[in-house]
Amino acid sequence: MVRCVIGNNAHREPKFFDKNTTIRSALEQNNIDYSRGMTSLDGCTLNPGDFDKTFEDFGITESCYLLNVAKTDNA
């Protein structure tokens, strides 16, 4: 199991996922809208093709941070 701190700008919490879980399904299971911001895995921005890769595909077997930071306009 992978311990993943998953969240967005407002809320982050640790969750556990099987290493064969895709990034997309992890985000969807936690109701995180990944279409409105930049999603990063351990600080590296993900590309569109990366969302269907598993944690194991990225070499993650123990723990990680999966965060979506919303784009905002500064007025």
PDB file of N, CA and C in Angstrom:
ATOM      1  N   MET A   1       0.835  -1.194   0.000  1.00  0.00           N
ATOM      2  CA  MET A   1       0.000   0.000   0.000  1.00  0.00           C
ATOM      3  C   MET A   1       0.874   1.249   0.000  1.00  0.00           C
ATOM      4  N   VAL A   2       0.412   2.245  -0.718  1.00  0.00           N
ATOM      5  CA  VAL A   2       1.102   3.524  -0.816  1.00  0.00           C
ATOM      6  C   VAL A   2       0.361   4.529   0.060  1.00  0.00           C
ATOM      7  N   ARG A   3       1.090   5.177   0.964  1.00  0.00           N
ATOM      8  CA  ARG A   3       0.501   6.260   1.767  1.00  0.00           C
ATOM      9  C   ARG A   3       0.659   7.534   0.950  1.00  0.00           C
ATOM     10  N   CYS A   4      -0.462   8.134   0.584  1.00  0.00           N
ATOM     11  CA  CYS A   4      -0.457   9.296  -0.303  1.00  0.00           C
ATOM     12  C   CYS A   4      -1.161  10.459   0.387  1.00  0.00           C
ATOM     13  N   VAL A   5      -0.467  11.577   0.528  1.00  0.00           N
ATOM     14  CA  VAL A   5      -1.122  12.800   0.984  1.00  0.00           C
ATOM     15  C   VAL A   5      -1.726  13.411  -0.280  1.00  0.00           C
ATOM     16  N   ILE A   6      -3.039  13.409  -0.344  1.00  0.00           N
ATOM     17  CA  ILE A   6      -3.743  13.829  -1.548  1.00  0.00           C
ATOM     18  C   ILE A   6      -4.627  15.022  -1.221  1.00  0.00           C
ATOM     19  N   GLY A   7      -4.717  15.972  -2.155  1.00  0.00           N
ATOM     20  CA  GLY A   7      -5.564  17.123  -1.884  1.00  0.00           C
ATOM     21  C   GLY A   7      -5.426  18.239  -2.885  1.00  0.00           C
ATOM     22  N   ASN A   8      -5.909  19.405  -2.455  1.00  0.00           N
ATOM     23  CA  ASN A   8      -5.886  20.606  -3.288  1.00  0.00           C
ATOM     24  C   ASN A   8      -5.465  21.794  -2.435  1.00  0.00           C
ATOM     25  N   ASN A   9      -5.757  23.008  -2.901  1.00  0.00           N
ATOM     26  CA  ASN A   9      -5.359  24.212  -2.170  1.00  0.00           C
ATOM     27  C   ASN A   9      -5.949  24.264  -0.762  1.00  0.00           C
ATOM     28  N   ALA A  10      -7.172  23.799  -0.620  1.00  0.00           N
ATOM     29  CA  ALA A  10      -7.899  23.980   0.632  1.00  0.00           C
ATOM     30  C   ALA A  10      -7.823  22.795   1.592  1.00  0.00           C
ATOM     31  N   HIS A  11      -7.598  21.609   1.073  1.00  0.00           N
ATOM     32  CA  HIS A  11      -7.697  20.429   1.935  1.00  0.00           C
ATOM     33  C   HIS A  11      -6.704  19.346   1.485  1.00  0.00           C
ATOM     34  N   ARG A  12      -5.994  18.780   2.446  1.00  0.00           N
ATOM     35  CA  ARG A  12      -5.061  17.681   2.182  1.00  0.00           C
ATOM     36  C   ARG A  12      -5.215  16.647   3.285  1.00  0.00           C
ATOM     37  N   GLU A  13      -5.182  15.377   2.888  1.00  0.00           N
ATOM     38  CA  GLU A  13      -5.247  14.332   3.908  1.00  0.00           C
ATOM     39  C   GLU A  13      -4.571  13.062   3.406  1.00  0.00           C
ATOM     40  N   PRO A  14      -4.040  12.277   4.321  1.00  0.00           N
ATOM     41  CA  PRO A  14      -3.393  11.033   3.924  1.00  0.00           C
ATOM     42  C   PRO A  14      -4.429   9.956   3.593  1.00  0.00           C
ATOM     43  N   LYS A  15      -4.184   9.248   2.512  1.00  0.00           N
ATOM     44  CA  LYS A  15      -5.026   8.132   2.082  1.00  0.00           C
ATOM     45  C   LYS A  15      -4.101   6.984   1.698  1.00  0.00           C
ATOM     46  N   PHE A  16      -4.634   5.792   1.651  1.00  0.00           N
ATOM     47  CA  PHE A  16      -3.854   4.625   1.257  1.00  0.00           C
ATOM     48  C   PHE A  16      -4.415   4.055  -0.039  1.00  0.00           C
ATOM     49  N   PHE A  17      -3.511   3.775  -0.979  1.00  0.00           N
ATOM     50  CA  PHE A  17      -3.879   3.222  -2.278  1.00  0.00           C
ATOM     51  C   PHE A  17      -3.004   2.026  -2.589  1.00  0.00           C
ATOM     52  N   ASP A  18      -3.552   1.117  -3.360  1.00  0.00           N
ATOM     53  CA  ASP A  18      -2.767   0.024  -3.901  1.00  0.00           C
ATOM     54  C   ASP A  18      -1.767   0.611  -4.892  1.00  0.00           C
ATOM     55  N   LYS A  19      -0.590   0.035  -5.004  1.00  0.00           N
ATOM     56  CA  LYS A  19       0.435   0.580  -5.907  1.00  0.00           C
ATOM     57  C   LYS A  19       0.011   0.510  -7.367  1.00  0.00           C
ATOM     58  N   ASN A  20      -1.013  -0.282  -7.687  1.00  0.00           N
ATOM     59  CA  ASN A  20      -1.501  -0.398  -9.059  1.00  0.00           C
ATOM     60  C   ASN A  20      -2.670   0.538  -9.359  1.00  0.00           C
ATOM     61  N   THR A  21      -2.979   1.445  -8.441  1.00  0.00           N
ATOM     62  CA  THR A  21      -4.025   2.454  -8.649  1.00  0.00           C
ATOM     63  C   THR A  21      -3.495   3.525  -9.585  1.00  0.00           C
ATOM     64  N   THR A  22      -4.328   3.955 -10.544  1.00  0.00           N
ATOM     65  CA  THR A  22      -3.895   5.040 -11.431  1.00  0.00           C
ATOM     66  C   THR A  22      -4.053   6.379 -10.721  1.00  0.00           C
ATOM     67  N   ILE A  23      -3.297   7.335 -11.190  1.00  0.00           N
ATOM     68  CA  ILE A  23      -3.371   8.691 -10.634  1.00  0.00           C
ATOM     69  C   ILE A  23      -4.778   9.253 -10.827  1.00  0.00           C
ATOM     70  N   ARG A  24      -5.346   9.038 -12.015  1.00  0.00           N
ATOM     71  CA  ARG A  24      -6.699   9.530 -12.313  1.00  0.00           C
ATOM     72  C   ARG A  24      -7.719   8.957 -11.333  1.00  0.00           C
ATOM     73  N   SER A  25      -7.676   7.661 -11.092  1.00  0.00           N
ATOM     74  CA  SER A  25      -8.671   7.066 -10.196  1.00  0.00           C
ATOM     75  C   SER A  25      -8.478   7.525  -8.753  1.00  0.00           C
ATOM     76  N   ALA A  26      -7.246   7.734  -8.328  1.00  0.00           N
ATOM     77  CA  ALA A  26      -6.999   8.250  -6.978  1.00  0.00           C
ATOM     78  C   ALA A  26      -7.615   9.637  -6.825  1.00  0.00           C
ATOM     79  N   LEU A  27      -7.430  10.490  -7.823  1.00  0.00           N
ATOM     80  CA  LEU A  27      -8.006  11.839  -7.775  1.00  0.00           C
ATOM     81  C   LEU A  27      -9.531  11.781  -7.802  1.00  0.00           C
ATOM     82  N   GLU A  28     -10.093  10.946  -8.680  1.00  0.00           N
ATOM     83  CA  GLU A  28     -11.543  10.857  -8.800  1.00  0.00           C
ATOM     84  C   GLU A  28     -12.171  10.269  -7.537  1.00  0.00           C
ATOM     85  N   GLN A  29     -11.541   9.294  -6.917  1.00  0.00           N
ATOM     86  CA  GLN A  29     -12.062   8.703  -5.680  1.00  0.00           C
ATOM     87  C   GLN A  29     -12.150   9.739  -4.556  1.00  0.00           C
ATOM     88  N   ASN A  30     -11.322  10.776  -4.648  1.00  0.00           N
ATOM     89  CA  ASN A  30     -11.291  11.803  -3.610  1.00  0.00           C
ATOM     90  C   ASN A  30     -11.924  13.111  -4.061  1.00  0.00           C
ATOM     91  N   ASN A  31     -12.698  13.055  -5.133  1.00  0.00           N
ATOM     92  CA  ASN A  31     -13.452  14.209  -5.655  1.00  0.00           C
ATOM     93  C   ASN A  31     -12.568  15.422  -5.908  1.00  0.00           C
ATOM     94  N   ILE A  32     -11.387  15.185  -6.465  1.00  0.00           N
ATOM     95  CA  ILE A  32     -10.484  16.287  -6.794  1.00  0.00           C
ATOM     96  C   ILE A  32     -10.584  16.555  -8.287  1.00  0.00           C
ATOM     97  N   ASP A  33     -11.011  17.774  -8.630  1.00  0.00           N
ATOM     98  CA  ASP A  33     -11.156  18.185 -10.024  1.00  0.00           C
ATOM     99  C   ASP A  33      -9.776  18.548 -10.569  1.00  0.00           C
ATOM    100  N   TYR A  34      -9.193  17.645 -11.320  1.00  0.00           N
ATOM    101  CA  TYR A  34      -7.839  17.848 -11.843  1.00  0.00           C
ATOM    102  C   TYR A  34      -7.838  18.651 -13.142  1.00  0.00           C
ATOM    103  N   SER A  35      -9.016  19.090 -13.608  1.00  0.00           N
ATOM    104  CA  SER A  35      -9.085  19.879 -14.840  1.00  0.00           C
ATOM    105  C   SER A  35      -8.893  21.370 -14.585  1.00  0.00           C
ATOM    106  N   ARG A  36      -8.853  21.787 -13.328  1.00  0.00           N
ATOM    107  CA  ARG A  36      -8.786  23.212 -12.994  1.00  0.00           C
ATOM    108  C   ARG A  36      -7.519  23.589 -12.260  1.00  0.00           C
ATOM    109  N   GLY A  37      -6.423  23.064 -12.680  1.00  0.00           N
ATOM    110  CA  GLY A  37      -5.183  23.430 -12.012  1.00  0.00           C
ATOM    111  C   GLY A  37      -4.040  22.543 -12.441  1.00  0.00           C
ATOM    112  N   MET A  38      -2.932  22.704 -11.760  1.00  0.00           N
ATOM    113  CA  MET A  38      -1.754  21.893 -12.043  1.00  0.00           C
ATOM    114  C   MET A  38      -1.687  20.771 -11.014  1.00  0.00           C
ATOM    115  N   THR A  39      -1.552  19.550 -11.493  1.00  0.00           N
ATOM    116  CA  THR A  39      -1.446  18.404 -10.606  1.00  0.00           C
ATOM    117  C   THR A  39       0.004  17.989 -10.534  1.00  0.00           C
ATOM    118  N   SER A  40       0.483  17.773  -9.322  1.00  0.00           N
ATOM    119  CA  SER A  40       1.871  17.362  -9.141  1.00  0.00           C
ATOM    120  C   SER A  40       1.954  16.114  -8.279  1.00  0.00           C
ATOM    121  N   LEU A  41       2.953  15.312  -8.584  1.00  0.00           N
ATOM    122  CA  LEU A  41       3.239  14.105  -7.830  1.00  0.00           C
ATOM    123  C   LEU A  41       4.637  14.268  -7.271  1.00  0.00           C
ATOM    124  N   ASP A  42       4.733  14.363  -5.963  1.00  0.00           N
ATOM    125  CA  ASP A  42       6.003  14.620  -5.283  1.00  0.00           C
ATOM    126  C   ASP A  42       6.728  15.843  -5.849  1.00  0.00           C
ATOM    127  N   GLY A  43       5.955  16.884  -6.163  1.00  0.00           N
ATOM    128  CA  GLY A  43       6.528  18.147  -6.604  1.00  0.00           C
ATOM    129  C   GLY A  43       6.780  18.268  -8.094  1.00  0.00           C
ATOM    130  N   CYS A  44       6.566  17.194  -8.864  1.00  0.00           N
ATOM    131  CA  CYS A  44       6.771  17.223 -10.318  1.00  0.00           C
ATOM    132  C   CYS A  44       5.413  17.311 -11.005  1.00  0.00           C
ATOM    133  N   THR A  45       5.257  18.301 -11.892  1.00  0.00           N
ATOM    134  CA  THR A  45       3.996  18.497 -12.593  1.00  0.00           C
ATOM    135  C   THR A  45       3.726  17.328 -13.531  1.00  0.00           C
ATOM    136  N   LEU A  46       2.481  16.852 -13.513  1.00  0.00           N
ATOM    137  CA  LEU A  46       2.087  15.734 -14.361  1.00  0.00           C
ATOM    138  C   LEU A  46       1.598  16.230 -15.711  1.00  0.00           C
ATOM    139  N   ASN A  47       1.872  15.466 -16.743  1.00  0.00           N
ATOM    140  CA  ASN A  47       1.388  15.736 -18.095  1.00  0.00           C
ATOM    141  C   ASN A  47       0.102  14.953 -18.321  1.00  0.00           C
ATOM    142  N   PRO A  48      -0.706  15.316 -19.330  1.00  0.00           N
ATOM    143  CA  PRO A  48      -1.981  14.627 -19.551  1.00  0.00           C
ATOM    144  C   PRO A  48      -1.848  13.105 -19.648  1.00  0.00           C
ATOM    145  N   GLY A  49      -0.845  12.577 -20.286  1.00  0.00           N
ATOM    146  CA  GLY A  49      -0.678  11.132 -20.417  1.00  0.00           C
ATOM    147  C   GLY A  49      -0.296  10.436 -19.132  1.00  0.00           C
ATOM    148  N   ASP A  50       0.088  11.192 -18.119  1.00  0.00           N
ATOM    149  CA  ASP A  50       0.519  10.605 -16.852  1.00  0.00           C
ATOM    150  C   ASP A  50      -0.637  10.168 -15.953  1.00  0.00           C
ATOM    151  N   PHE A  51      -1.832  10.661 -16.199  1.00  0.00           N
ATOM    152  CA  PHE A  51      -2.954  10.391 -15.302  1.00  0.00           C
ATOM    153  C   PHE A  51      -3.399   8.929 -15.327  1.00  0.00           C
ATOM    154  N   ASP A  52      -3.110   8.219 -16.407  1.00  0.00           N
ATOM    155  CA  ASP A  52      -3.498   6.816 -16.490  1.00  0.00           C
ATOM    156  C   ASP A  52      -2.358   5.874 -16.115  1.00  0.00           C
ATOM    157  N   LYS A  53      -1.273   6.419 -15.598  1.00  0.00           N
ATOM    158  CA  LYS A  53      -0.180   5.605 -15.078  1.00  0.00           C
ATOM    159  C   LYS A  53      -0.448   5.305 -13.610  1.00  0.00           C
ATOM    160  N   THR A  54       0.111   4.214 -13.140  1.00  0.00           N
ATOM    161  CA  THR A  54      -0.080   3.826 -11.741  1.00  0.00           C
ATOM    162  C   THR A  54       1.024   4.419 -10.871  1.00  0.00           C
ATOM    163  N   PHE A  55       0.817   4.343  -9.565  1.00  0.00           N
ATOM    164  CA  PHE A  55       1.862   4.784  -8.646  1.00  0.00           C
ATOM    165  C   PHE A  55       3.141   3.989  -8.902  1.00  0.00           C
ATOM    166  N   GLU A  56       2.980   2.696  -9.153  1.00  0.00           N
ATOM    167  CA  GLU A  56       4.149   1.855  -9.409  1.00  0.00           C
ATOM    168  C   GLU A  56       4.882   2.269 -10.680  1.00  0.00           C
ATOM    169  N   ASP A  57       4.141   2.714 -11.704  1.00  0.00           N
ATOM    170  CA  ASP A  57       4.775   3.200 -12.943  1.00  0.00           C
ATOM    171  C   ASP A  57       5.729   4.352 -12.661  1.00  0.00           C
ATOM    172  N   PHE A  58       5.421   5.134 -11.646  1.00  0.00           N
ATOM    173  CA  PHE A  58       6.281   6.260 -11.268  1.00  0.00           C
ATOM    174  C   PHE A  58       7.354   5.847 -10.262  1.00  0.00           C
ATOM    175  N   GLY A  59       7.372   4.575  -9.903  1.00  0.00           N
ATOM    176  CA  GLY A  59       8.370   4.089  -8.951  1.00  0.00           C
ATOM    177  C   GLY A  59       8.005   4.356  -7.502  1.00  0.00           C
ATOM    178  N   ILE A  60       6.740   4.671  -7.256  1.00  0.00           N
ATOM    179  CA  ILE A  60       6.299   4.970  -5.893  1.00  0.00           C
ATOM    180  C   ILE A  60       5.734   3.699  -5.267  1.00  0.00           C
ATOM    181  N   THR A  61       6.343   3.280  -4.181  1.00  0.00           N
ATOM    182  CA  THR A  61       5.902   2.055  -3.509  1.00  0.00           C
ATOM    183  C   THR A  61       5.588   2.266  -2.035  1.00  0.00           C
ATOM    184  N   GLU A  62       5.968   3.418  -1.472  1.00  0.00           N
ATOM    185  CA  GLU A  62       5.736   3.643  -0.043  1.00  0.00           C
ATOM    186  C   GLU A  62       4.895   4.879   0.255  1.00  0.00           C
ATOM    187  N   SER A  63       5.351   6.063  -0.178  1.00  0.00           N
ATOM    188  CA  SER A  63       4.605   7.279   0.146  1.00  0.00           C
ATOM    189  C   SER A  63       4.847   8.347  -0.905  1.00  0.00           C
ATOM    190  N   CYS A  64       3.896   9.299  -0.971  1.00  0.00           N
ATOM    191  CA  CYS A  64       4.021  10.388  -1.948  1.00  0.00           C
ATOM    192  C   CYS A  64       3.045  11.511  -1.596  1.00  0.00           C
ATOM    193  N   TYR A  65       3.175  12.601  -2.326  1.00  0.00           N
ATOM    194  CA  TYR A  65       2.239  13.720  -2.275  1.00  0.00           C
ATOM    195  C   TYR A  65       1.621  13.848  -3.661  1.00  0.00           C
ATOM    196  N   LEU A  66       0.305  13.865  -3.738  1.00  0.00           N
ATOM    197  CA  LEU A  66      -0.431  14.067  -4.977  1.00  0.00           C
ATOM    198  C   LEU A  66      -1.356  15.257  -4.764  1.00  0.00           C
ATOM    199  N   LEU A  67      -0.977  16.390  -5.361  1.00  0.00           N
ATOM    200  CA  LEU A  67      -1.683  17.646  -5.089  1.00  0.00           C
ATOM    201  C   LEU A  67      -2.122  18.318  -6.372  1.00  0.00           C
ATOM    202  N   ASN A  68      -3.289  18.941  -6.328  1.00  0.00           N
ATOM    203  CA  ASN A  68      -3.789  19.749  -7.431  1.00  0.00           C
ATOM    204  C   ASN A  68      -3.931  21.175  -6.922  1.00  0.00           C
ATOM    205  N   VAL A  69      -3.176  22.083  -7.540  1.00  0.00           N
ATOM    206  CA  VAL A  69      -3.202  23.487  -7.146  1.00  0.00           C
ATOM    207  C   VAL A  69      -3.988  24.245  -8.210  1.00  0.00           C
ATOM    208  N   ALA A  70      -5.084  24.840  -7.797  1.00  0.00           N
ATOM    209  CA  ALA A  70      -5.962  25.558  -8.720  1.00  0.00           C
ATOM    210  C   ALA A  70      -5.304  26.804  -9.256  1.00  0.00           C
ATOM    211  N   LYS A  71      -5.592  27.078 -10.520  1.00  0.00           N
ATOM    212  CA  LYS A  71      -5.098  28.307 -11.136  1.00  0.00           C
ATOM    213  C   LYS A  71      -5.985  29.458 -10.648  1.00  0.00           C
ATOM    214  N   THR A  72      -5.358  30.544 -10.267  1.00  0.00           N
ATOM    215  CA  THR A  72      -6.139  31.703  -9.816  1.00  0.00           C
ATOM    216  C   THR A  72      -5.598  32.955 -10.489  1.00  0.00           C
ATOM    217  N   ASP A  73      -6.476  33.940 -10.623  1.00  0.00           N
ATOM    218  CA  ASP A  73      -6.093  35.241 -11.156  1.00  0.00           C
ATOM    219  C   ASP A  73      -5.896  36.194  -9.991  1.00  0.00           C
ATOM    220  N   ASN A  74      -4.789  36.877  -9.983  1.00  0.00           N
ATOM    221  CA  ASN A  74      -4.539  37.881  -8.942  1.00  0.00           C
ATOM    222  C   ASN A  74      -4.952  39.243  -9.466  1.00  0.00           C
ATOM    223  N   ALA A  75      -5.943  39.820  -8.834  1.00  0.00           N
ATOM    224  CA  ALA A  75      -6.455  41.109  -9.308  1.00  0.00           C
ATOM    225  C   ALA A  75      -5.760  42.256  -8.624  1.00  0.00           C
TER     226      ALA A  75
END
